[in-house]
Protein backbone atom coordinates (compact mmCIF):
# COMPACT_ATOMS: atom_id res chain seq x y z
CA MET A 1 73.24 119.05 87.60
CA ILE A 2 76.14 118.85 90.03
CA ILE A 3 79.39 117.37 88.75
CA ASP A 4 81.76 115.82 91.27
CA PHE A 5 85.15 116.32 89.64
CA VAL A 6 87.02 114.47 92.39
CA ALA A 7 84.82 111.41 91.90
CA MET A 8 85.41 111.62 88.14
CA GLN A 9 89.19 111.71 88.65
CA ILE A 10 89.06 108.79 91.09
CA GLU A 11 87.04 106.81 88.55
CA LYS A 12 89.60 107.66 85.85
CA PHE A 13 92.41 106.41 88.11
CA GLN A 14 90.54 103.22 88.98
CA LYS A 15 89.70 102.40 85.36
CA LEU A 16 93.29 102.77 84.20
CA ALA A 17 94.60 100.82 87.21
CA GLU A 18 92.13 98.01 86.42
CA LYS A 19 93.21 97.98 82.76
CA ILE A 20 96.86 97.69 83.79
CA GLN A 21 95.99 94.93 86.25
CA SER A 22 93.96 92.97 83.68
CA GLU A 23 96.40 93.45 80.78
CA PRO A 24 99.87 93.79 82.34
CA GLU A 25 101.58 92.40 79.24
CA TYR A 26 100.30 95.41 77.26
CA TYR A 27 101.43 98.05 79.78
CA LEU A 28 104.35 96.56 81.68
CA ASP A 29 107.19 95.77 79.31
CA PHE A 30 110.26 97.48 80.73
CA ASP A 31 113.92 96.67 80.24
CA SER A 32 114.92 99.15 82.94
CA VAL A 33 113.55 101.53 85.53
CA SER A 34 114.03 104.45 83.15
CA ASP A 35 111.67 102.74 80.67
CA PHE A 36 108.92 103.02 83.28
CA TYR A 37 109.35 106.80 83.48
CA LYS A 38 109.04 106.97 79.68
CA ALA A 39 105.73 105.04 79.59
CA LYS A 40 103.16 107.13 77.73
CA TRP A 41 100.25 105.70 79.75
CA LEU A 42 101.50 107.48 82.89
CA GLN A 43 100.09 110.67 81.40
CA ASP A 44 96.63 109.05 81.25
CA PHE A 45 96.31 109.12 85.04
CA PRO A 46 94.51 112.13 86.54
CA GLN A 47 96.49 115.24 87.34
CA GLY A 48 97.84 114.94 90.88
CA THR A 49 98.75 111.27 90.56
CA THR A 50 102.18 110.47 91.99
CA TRP A 51 104.49 107.54 91.43
CA ALA A 52 107.61 106.19 93.07
CA VAL A 53 109.96 103.41 92.02
CA THR A 54 112.41 101.38 94.10
CA GLY A 55 115.54 100.02 92.49
CA LEU A 56 116.53 103.33 90.96
CA ASP A 57 119.68 101.79 89.50
CA ASN A 58 119.02 101.76 85.77
CA GLY A 59 120.38 98.21 85.63
CA ALA A 60 117.96 96.87 88.27
CA ASP A 61 116.24 93.65 87.17
CA GLU A 62 113.60 93.81 89.89
CA PHE A 63 111.82 96.85 91.23
CA ASP A 64 108.54 97.98 92.77
CA ILE A 65 106.28 100.75 91.52
CA LEU A 66 103.73 102.63 93.62
CA ILE A 67 101.23 104.84 91.80
CA GLU A 68 98.83 106.87 93.96
CA TYR A 69 95.92 109.24 93.56
CA ARG A 70 94.38 110.49 96.80
CA HIS A 71 93.74 107.32 98.87
CA TYR A 72 93.78 104.94 95.88
CA PHE A 73 96.87 103.07 94.81
CA LEU A 74 98.29 100.69 92.23
CA VAL A 75 101.29 98.55 93.17
CA ILE A 76 103.40 96.78 90.58
CA GLU A 77 106.02 94.30 91.74
CA TYR A 78 108.21 93.95 88.68
CA CYS A 79 110.24 90.80 89.19
CA GLN A 80 110.37 87.22 87.90
CA GLN A 81 106.71 86.79 88.77
CA LEU A 82 104.94 90.04 87.99
CA LYS A 83 102.35 91.10 90.60
CA VAL A 84 99.87 93.94 90.13
CA TYR A 85 97.26 94.96 92.67
CA THR A 86 95.13 97.94 93.60
CA GLY A 87 93.57 99.18 96.79
CA ILE A 88 92.50 102.02 99.02
CA LYS A 89 94.58 103.31 101.93
CA GLN A 90 92.70 103.16 105.21
């Protein structure tokens, strides 16, 4: 039996991204940008996942989050109307 570890990690990323997208109220409750960096669920992404946040001022009311693993991404637009979407870079 051959195990494709990359495919397993991609699936892990996709499942967590889909959970965040379907239940944002459970995952996305931040008072500041620094609260995002403290989120325990970030550690549930596969090793090698990266994230970047705009609005690095700790007092920022609106900011964007980009979480990536290989060519897959999760974007969170954290503003008055929360937007969460996933995709694959071409």
